[in-house]
Amino acid sequence: MLLVAALAGSGAVQADTDPFEPFNRAVFRFNDTLDTYTLKPLAQGYQRVTPEPVQQGVGNVFNNLGEVINLTNNLLQGKFHDAGVDTSRFLFNTTFGVLGVFDVATRMGLVRNDEDFGQTLGVWGLGSGPYLVLPLLGPSSVRDAAGRIPDTFLQVYPYVDTSTRNVLWAGNAIDSRAELLTAERLIRGDRYIFIRNAYLQNREFRVRDGEVVDDF
């Protein structure tokens, strides 16, 4: 699956950030093939047949479920103001927003945060480690891959029955992939290198809350 958090840029990345490149490229090809013949067509079909307001509502619901991860990691990072925003967003969107279908919190000036345990480890001083492509899950790093484990217990999936979990997981995957259909047109040259560089730059930007030193 091509589940890239952002395709914001693709500058040079030093070779020592990707010592597992042969392995990563093999997994990347597997993911890309699977995406080409399954997830991408499903996302394209979903986008064609689903009205824009419905797509927005589905995305809002999954974002609302993710507020628990944002809240927990903001607390762990000592960002108490942001944690308060996360709490308010979840309460307002769950109640007035009808279980998160409508993002009323943003209209109230409560801007959504985007935190996870990988970022928390980075804030605590742990380096990202080598770049790592995960089967099905896509771009990551050693640190971010480890960070996925505690975040899993903050999601709804472990606490619902199997059929509900599968429906939620598939719905989130298709909705996320549909959001990237336009962004992937920005890819130029070697897809693997472009996505690797974009991922690593985006993660550094998020860990540092936008305070990234411009080497140029």
C-alpha atoms as a PDB file:
ATOM      1  CA  MET A   1       0.000   0.000   0.000  1.00  0.00           C
ATOM      2  CA  LEU A   2       1.151   3.452  -0.784  1.00  0.00           C
ATOM      3  CA  LEU A   3       0.134   5.001   2.542  1.00  0.00           C
ATOM      4  CA  VAL A   4       2.414   8.012   2.616  1.00  0.00           C
ATOM      5  CA  ALA A   5       1.758  10.641   5.238  1.00  0.00           C
ATOM      6  CA  ALA A   6       2.782  13.463   2.915  1.00  0.00           C
ATOM      7  CA  LEU A   7       4.458  14.031  -0.401  1.00  0.00           C
ATOM      8  CA  ALA A   8       5.702  17.481   0.448  1.00  0.00           C
ATOM      9  CA  GLY A   9       9.214  17.303  -0.935  1.00  0.00           C
ATOM     10  CA  SER A  10      12.076  15.056  -1.871  1.00  0.00           C
ATOM     11  CA  GLY A  11      15.524  16.464  -1.193  1.00  0.00           C
ATOM     12  CA  ALA A  12      18.706  14.456  -0.890  1.00  0.00           C
ATOM     13  CA  VAL A  13      18.862  11.835   1.872  1.00  0.00           C
ATOM     14  CA  GLN A  14      22.209  10.464   3.006  1.00  0.00           C
ATOM     15  CA  ALA A  15      22.844   6.809   2.190  1.00  0.00           C
ATOM     16  CA  ASP A  16      23.337   5.884   5.857  1.00  0.00           C
ATOM     17  CA  THR A  17      19.647   6.514   6.511  1.00  0.00           C
ATOM     18  CA  ASP A  18      18.759   3.585   4.251  1.00  0.00           C
ATOM     19  CA  PRO A  19      21.164   0.683   4.914  1.00  0.00           C
ATOM     20  CA  PHE A  20      18.321  -1.779   4.285  1.00  0.00           C
ATOM     21  CA  GLU A  21      17.669  -0.482   0.770  1.00  0.00           C
ATOM     22  CA  PRO A  22      17.720  -3.882  -1.026  1.00  0.00           C
ATOM     23  CA  PHE A  23      15.210  -5.290   1.456  1.00  0.00           C
ATOM     24  CA  ASN A  24      13.179  -2.081   1.450  1.00  0.00           C
ATOM     25  CA  ARG A  25      12.963  -2.015  -2.334  1.00  0.00           C
ATOM     26  CA  ALA A  26      11.726  -5.615  -2.400  1.00  0.00           C
ATOM     27  CA  VAL A  27       8.987  -4.820   0.130  1.00  0.00           C
ATOM     28  CA  PHE A  28       8.213  -1.603  -1.729  1.00  0.00           C
ATOM     29  CA  ARG A  29       7.674  -3.539  -4.973  1.00  0.00           C
ATOM     30  CA  PHE A  30       5.387  -5.969  -3.159  1.00  0.00           C
ATOM     31  CA  ASN A  31       3.376  -3.143  -1.606  1.00  0.00           C
ATOM     32  CA  ASP A  32       3.238  -1.197  -4.857  1.00  0.00           C
ATOM     33  CA  THR A  33       2.010  -4.221  -6.817  1.00  0.00           C
ATOM     34  CA  LEU A  34      -0.640  -4.943  -4.208  1.00  0.00           C
ATOM     35  CA  ASP A  35      -1.690  -1.303  -4.268  1.00  0.00           C
ATOM     36  CA  THR A  36      -1.841  -1.159  -8.069  1.00  0.00           C
ATOM     37  CA  TYR A  37      -4.169  -4.141  -8.373  1.00  0.00           C
ATOM     38  CA  THR A  38      -6.278  -3.845  -5.222  1.00  0.00           C
ATOM     39  CA  LEU A  39      -6.268  -0.760  -3.025  1.00  0.00           C
ATOM     40  CA  LYS A  40      -5.829   1.918  -5.673  1.00  0.00           C
ATOM     41  CA  PRO A  41      -8.713   0.641  -7.876  1.00  0.00           C
ATOM     42  CA  LEU A  42     -10.915   0.383  -4.786  1.00  0.00           C
ATOM     43  CA  ALA A  43      -9.997   3.940  -3.784  1.00  0.00           C
ATOM     44  CA  GLN A  44     -10.687   5.223  -7.298  1.00  0.00           C
ATOM     45  CA  GLY A  45     -14.071   3.485  -7.349  1.00  0.00           C
ATOM     46  CA  TYR A  46     -14.891   4.825  -3.894  1.00  0.00           C
ATOM     47  CA  GLN A  47     -14.010   8.340  -5.004  1.00  0.00           C
ATOM     48  CA  ARG A  48     -16.121   8.068  -8.165  1.00  0.00           C
ATOM     49  CA  VAL A  49     -19.309   6.753  -6.562  1.00  0.00           C
ATOM     50  CA  THR A  50     -19.191   8.480  -3.176  1.00  0.00           C
ATOM     51  CA  PRO A  51     -20.370  12.103  -2.936  1.00  0.00           C
ATOM     52  CA  GLU A  52     -17.754  14.523  -1.644  1.00  0.00           C
ATOM     53  CA  PRO A  53     -19.707  15.357   1.569  1.00  0.00           C
ATOM     54  CA  VAL A  54     -19.910  11.647   2.402  1.00  0.00           C
ATOM     55  CA  GLN A  55     -16.177  11.192   1.805  1.00  0.00           C
ATOM     56  CA  GLN A  56     -15.513  14.162   4.056  1.00  0.00           C
ATOM     57  CA  GLY A  57     -17.750  12.717   6.752  1.00  0.00           C
ATOM     58  CA  VAL A  58     -16.008   9.333   6.631  1.00  0.00           C
ATOM     59  CA  GLY A  59     -12.613  10.998   6.912  1.00  0.00           C
ATOM     60  CA  ASN A  60     -13.876  13.084   9.832  1.00  0.00           C
ATOM     61  CA  VAL A  61     -15.024   9.981  11.709  1.00  0.00           C
ATOM     62  CA  PHE A  62     -11.626   8.309  11.435  1.00  0.00           C
ATOM     63  CA  ASN A  63      -9.879  11.559  12.387  1.00  0.00           C
ATOM     64  CA  ASN A  64     -12.094  11.786  15.450  1.00  0.00           C
ATOM     65  CA  LEU A  65     -11.184   8.253  16.496  1.00  0.00           C
ATOM     66  CA  GLY A  66      -7.535   9.261  16.157  1.00  0.00           C
ATOM     67  CA  GLU A  67      -7.883  12.096  18.660  1.00  0.00           C
ATOM     68  CA  VAL A  68      -7.153   9.631  21.484  1.00  0.00           C
ATOM     69  CA  ILE A  69      -3.707   8.983  19.991  1.00  0.00           C
ATOM     70  CA  ASN A  70      -3.113  12.731  19.599  1.00  0.00           C
ATOM     71  CA  LEU A  71      -4.207  13.414  23.170  1.00  0.00           C
ATOM     72  CA  THR A  72      -2.078  10.684  24.736  1.00  0.00           C
ATOM     73  CA  ASN A  73       1.068  11.591  22.841  1.00  0.00           C
ATOM     74  CA  ASN A  74       0.671  15.306  23.474  1.00  0.00           C
ATOM     75  CA  LEU A  75       0.479  14.531  27.190  1.00  0.00           C
ATOM     76  CA  LEU A  76       3.592  12.341  26.941  1.00  0.00           C
ATOM     77  CA  GLN A  77       5.384  15.188  25.143  1.00  0.00           C
ATOM     78  CA  GLY A  78       4.339  17.734  27.768  1.00  0.00           C
ATOM     79  CA  LYS A  79       2.185  19.679  25.310  1.00  0.00           C
ATOM     80  CA  PHE A  80      -0.671  20.239  27.718  1.00  0.00           C
ATOM     81  CA  HIS A  81      -2.335  23.021  25.738  1.00  0.00           C
ATOM     82  CA  ASP A  82      -2.449  20.814  22.646  1.00  0.00           C
ATOM     83  CA  ALA A  83      -3.758  17.938  24.768  1.00  0.00           C
ATOM     84  CA  GLY A  84      -6.576  20.222  25.908  1.00  0.00           C
ATOM     85  CA  VAL A  85      -7.362  21.030  22.282  1.00  0.00           C
ATOM     86  CA  ASP A  86      -7.416  17.299  21.472  1.00  0.00           C
ATOM     87  CA  THR A  87      -9.804  16.647  24.354  1.00  0.00           C
ATOM     88  CA  SER A  88     -12.114  19.481  23.327  1.00  0.00           C
ATOM     89  CA  ARG A  89     -12.087  18.378  19.698  1.00  0.00           C
ATOM     90  CA  PHE A  90     -13.041  14.830  20.636  1.00  0.00           C
ATOM     91  CA  LEU A  91     -15.859  15.940  22.953  1.00  0.00           C
ATOM     92  CA  PHE A  92     -17.328  18.518  20.564  1.00  0.00           C
ATOM     93  CA  ASN A  93     -17.053  16.382  17.443  1.00  0.00           C
ATOM     94  CA  THR A  94     -18.393  13.256  19.147  1.00  0.00           C
ATOM     95  CA  THR A  95     -21.425  15.094  20.530  1.00  0.00           C
ATOM     96  CA  PHE A  96     -22.304  18.100  18.358  1.00  0.00           C
ATOM     97  CA  GLY A  97     -20.552  16.542  15.350  1.00  0.00           C
ATOM     98  CA  VAL A  98     -22.645  13.349  15.513  1.00  0.00           C
ATOM     99  CA  LEU A  99     -19.900  10.845  16.398  1.00  0.00           C
ATOM    100  CA  GLY A 100     -17.369  12.832  14.402  1.00  0.00           C
ATOM    101  CA  VAL A 101     -19.175  12.965  11.064  1.00  0.00           C
ATOM    102  CA  PHE A 102     -19.052  16.762  11.187  1.00  0.00           C
ATOM    103  CA  ASP A 103     -15.850  18.541  12.209  1.00  0.00           C
ATOM    104  CA  VAL A 104     -17.465  21.281  14.265  1.00  0.00           C
ATOM    105  CA  ALA A 105     -14.319  21.724  16.358  1.00  0.00           C
ATOM    106  CA  THR A 106     -12.289  23.105  13.469  1.00  0.00           C
ATOM    107  CA  ARG A 107     -15.016  25.659  12.781  1.00  0.00           C
ATOM    108  CA  MET A 108     -14.691  26.668  16.429  1.00  0.00           C
ATOM    109  CA  GLY A 109     -10.971  27.372  15.926  1.00  0.00           C
ATOM    110  CA  LEU A 110      -9.720  24.124  17.462  1.00  0.00           C
ATOM    111  CA  VAL A 111      -7.087  23.013  14.954  1.00  0.00           C
ATOM    112  CA  ARG A 112      -6.386  19.287  14.764  1.00  0.00           C
ATOM    113  CA  ASN A 113      -2.995  18.000  15.889  1.00  0.00           C
ATOM    114  CA  ASP A 114      -1.278  14.987  14.370  1.00  0.00           C
ATOM    115  CA  GLU A 115       0.831  13.107  16.906  1.00  0.00           C
ATOM    116  CA  ASP A 116       1.914   9.506  17.405  1.00  0.00           C
ATOM    117  CA  PHE A 117       4.311   7.563  19.623  1.00  0.00           C
ATOM    118  CA  GLY A 118       7.040   7.606  16.980  1.00  0.00           C
ATOM    119  CA  GLN A 119       7.043  11.397  17.258  1.00  0.00           C
ATOM    120  CA  THR A 120       6.975  11.145  21.046  1.00  0.00           C
ATOM    121  CA  LEU A 121      10.106   8.974  20.996  1.00  0.00           C
ATOM    122  CA  GLY A 122      11.706  11.570  18.722  1.00  0.00           C
ATOM    123  CA  VAL A 123      10.821  14.375  21.124  1.00  0.00           C
ATOM    124  CA  TRP A 124      12.381  12.314  23.928  1.00  0.00           C
ATOM    125  CA  GLY A 125      15.621  12.298  21.933  1.00  0.00           C
ATOM    126  CA  LEU A 126      15.518   8.931  20.173  1.00  0.00           C
ATOM    127  CA  GLY A 127      16.773   9.132  16.604  1.00  0.00           C
ATOM    128  CA  SER A 128      14.680   7.764  13.780  1.00  0.00           C
ATOM    129  CA  GLY A 129      17.149   5.012  12.939  1.00  0.00           C
ATOM    130  CA  PRO A 130      17.325   3.488   9.462  1.00  0.00           C
ATOM    131  CA  TYR A 131      14.513   3.892   6.979  1.00  0.00           C
ATOM    132  CA  LEU A 132      12.268   0.833   6.865  1.00  0.00           C
ATOM    133  CA  VAL A 133       9.476  -0.179   4.491  1.00  0.00           C
ATOM    134  CA  LEU A 134       6.865  -2.323   6.245  1.00  0.00           C
ATOM    135  CA  PRO A 135       4.778  -4.915   4.390  1.00  0.00           C
ATOM    136  CA  LEU A 136       1.275  -3.490   3.745  1.00  0.00           C
ATOM    137  CA  LEU A 137       1.942  -0.477   6.005  1.00  0.00           C
ATOM    138  CA  GLY A 138       4.510   1.257   3.801  1.00  0.00           C
ATOM    139  CA  PRO A 139       7.192   3.861   4.688  1.00  0.00           C
ATOM    140  CA  SER A 140       8.516   3.921   8.227  1.00  0.00           C
ATOM    141  CA  SER A 141      11.716   3.889  10.243  1.00  0.00           C
ATOM    142  CA  VAL A 142      12.953   1.636  13.026  1.00  0.00           C
ATOM    143  CA  ARG A 143      11.759   4.146  15.611  1.00  0.00           C
ATOM    144  CA  ASP A 144       8.393   4.755  13.972  1.00  0.00           C
ATOM    145  CA  ALA A 145       7.795   1.033  13.457  1.00  0.00           C
ATOM    146  CA  ALA A 146       8.307   0.450  17.194  1.00  0.00           C
ATOM    147  CA  GLY A 147       6.046   3.417  17.934  1.00  0.00           C
ATOM    148  CA  ARG A 148       3.177   1.749  16.113  1.00  0.00           C
ATOM    149  CA  ILE A 149       2.864  -0.861  18.863  1.00  0.00           C
ATOM    150  CA  PRO A 150       1.703   1.354  21.771  1.00  0.00           C
ATOM    151  CA  ASP A 151      -0.414   3.434  19.376  1.00  0.00           C
ATOM    152  CA  THR A 152      -2.290   0.253  18.419  1.00  0.00           C
ATOM    153  CA  PHE A 153      -3.728   0.020  21.931  1.00  0.00           C
ATOM    154  CA  LEU A 154      -5.074   3.573  21.623  1.00  0.00           C
ATOM    155  CA  GLN A 155      -7.109   2.679  18.544  1.00  0.00           C
ATOM    156  CA  VAL A 156     -10.579   1.185  18.464  1.00  0.00           C
ATOM    157  CA  TYR A 157      -9.563  -1.958  16.553  1.00  0.00           C
ATOM    158  CA  PRO A 158      -8.399  -4.127  19.499  1.00  0.00           C
ATOM    159  CA  TYR A 159     -11.644  -3.515  21.376  1.00  0.00           C
ATOM    160  CA  VAL A 160     -14.282  -4.497  18.804  1.00  0.00           C
ATOM    161  CA  ASP A 161     -15.302  -7.817  17.314  1.00  0.00           C
ATOM    162  CA  THR A 162     -13.487  -9.216  14.298  1.00  0.00           C
ATOM    163  CA  SER A 163     -16.077  -8.303  11.666  1.00  0.00           C
ATOM    164  CA  THR A 164     -16.387  -4.723  12.914  1.00  0.00           C
ATOM    165  CA  ARG A 165     -12.606  -4.397  13.083  1.00  0.00           C
ATOM    166  CA  ASN A 166     -12.209  -5.607   9.505  1.00  0.00           C
ATOM    167  CA  VAL A 167     -14.855  -3.191   8.222  1.00  0.00           C
ATOM    168  CA  LEU A 168     -13.289  -0.255  10.064  1.00  0.00           C
ATOM    169  CA  TRP A 169      -9.777  -1.159   8.950  1.00  0.00           C
ATOM    170  CA  ALA A 170     -10.797  -1.573   5.301  1.00  0.00           C
ATOM    171  CA  GLY A 171     -12.818   1.641   5.354  1.00  0.00           C
ATOM    172  CA  ASN A 172      -9.946   3.616   6.842  1.00  0.00           C
ATOM    173  CA  ALA A 173      -7.450   2.149   4.347  1.00  0.00           C
ATOM    174  CA  ILE A 174      -9.625   2.951   1.323  1.00  0.00           C
ATOM    175  CA  ASP A 175     -10.465   6.442   2.581  1.00  0.00           C
ATOM    176  CA  SER A 176      -6.793   7.191   3.300  1.00  0.00           C
ATOM    177  CA  ARG A 177      -5.741   5.893  -0.104  1.00  0.00           C
ATOM    178  CA  ALA A 178      -8.403   7.992  -1.848  1.00  0.00           C
ATOM    179  CA  GLU A 179      -6.983  11.117  -0.215  1.00  0.00           C
ATOM    180  CA  LEU A 180      -3.596  10.356  -1.801  1.00  0.00           C
ATOM    181  CA  LEU A 181      -4.806   9.901  -5.366  1.00  0.00           C
ATOM    182  CA  THR A 182      -4.156  13.538  -6.201  1.00  0.00           C
ATOM    183  CA  ALA A 183      -0.959  13.851  -4.162  1.00  0.00           C
ATOM    184  CA  GLU A 184       0.764  10.927  -5.870  1.00  0.00           C
ATOM    185  CA  ARG A 185       0.797  12.868  -9.149  1.00  0.00           C
ATOM    186  CA  LEU A 186       3.624  14.894  -7.617  1.00  0.00           C
ATOM    187  CA  ILE A 187       5.950  11.882  -7.718  1.00  0.00           C
ATOM    188  CA  ARG A 188       8.830  12.281 -10.135  1.00  0.00           C
ATOM    189  CA  GLY A 189      11.745  10.015 -11.008  1.00  0.00           C
ATOM    190  CA  ASP A 190      12.470   6.957  -8.874  1.00  0.00           C
ATOM    191  CA  ARG A 191       9.258   6.343  -6.907  1.00  0.00           C
ATOM    192  CA  TYR A 192      11.089   4.570  -4.095  1.00  0.00           C
ATOM    193  CA  ILE A 193      13.578   7.407  -3.550  1.00  0.00           C
ATOM    194  CA  PHE A 194      10.927  10.112  -3.849  1.00  0.00           C
ATOM    195  CA  ILE A 195       8.662   8.476  -1.269  1.00  0.00           C
ATOM    196  CA  ARG A 196      11.567   7.668   1.065  1.00  0.00           C
ATOM    197  CA  ASN A 197      12.821  11.249   1.043  1.00  0.00           C
ATOM    198  CA  ALA A 198       9.355  12.728   1.401  1.00  0.00           C
ATOM    199  CA  TYR A 199       8.589  10.455   4.346  1.00  0.00           C
ATOM    200  CA  LEU A 200      11.824  11.172   6.220  1.00  0.00           C
ATOM    201  CA  GLN A 201      11.556  14.925   5.679  1.00  0.00           C
ATOM    202  CA  ASN A 202       7.941  14.940   6.765  1.00  0.00           C
ATOM    203  CA  ARG A 203       8.708  12.972   9.938  1.00  0.00           C
ATOM    204  CA  GLU A 204      11.560  15.318  10.880  1.00  0.00           C
ATOM    205  CA  PHE A 205       9.269  18.294  10.296  1.00  0.00           C
ATOM    206  CA  ARG A 206       6.590  16.804  12.549  1.00  0.00           C
ATOM    207  CA  VAL A 207       8.932  15.709  15.350  1.00  0.00           C
ATOM    208  CA  ARG A 208      10.433  19.221  15.463  1.00  0.00           C
ATOM    209  CA  ASP A 209       7.026  20.897  15.115  1.00  0.00           C
ATOM    210  CA  GLY A 210       8.176  22.634  11.954  1.00  0.00           C
ATOM    211  CA  GLU A 211      11.469  23.924  13.390  1.00  0.00           C
ATOM    212  CA  VAL A 212      13.753  22.193  10.887  1.00  0.00           C
ATOM    213  CA  VAL A 213      17.182  23.572   9.999  1.00  0.00           C
ATOM    214  CA  ASP A 214      17.526  24.270   6.274  1.00  0.00           C
ATOM    215  CA  ASP A 215      20.906  22.775   5.304  1.00  0.00           C
ATOM    216  CA  PHE A 216      20.902  24.791   2.086  1.00  0.00           C
END
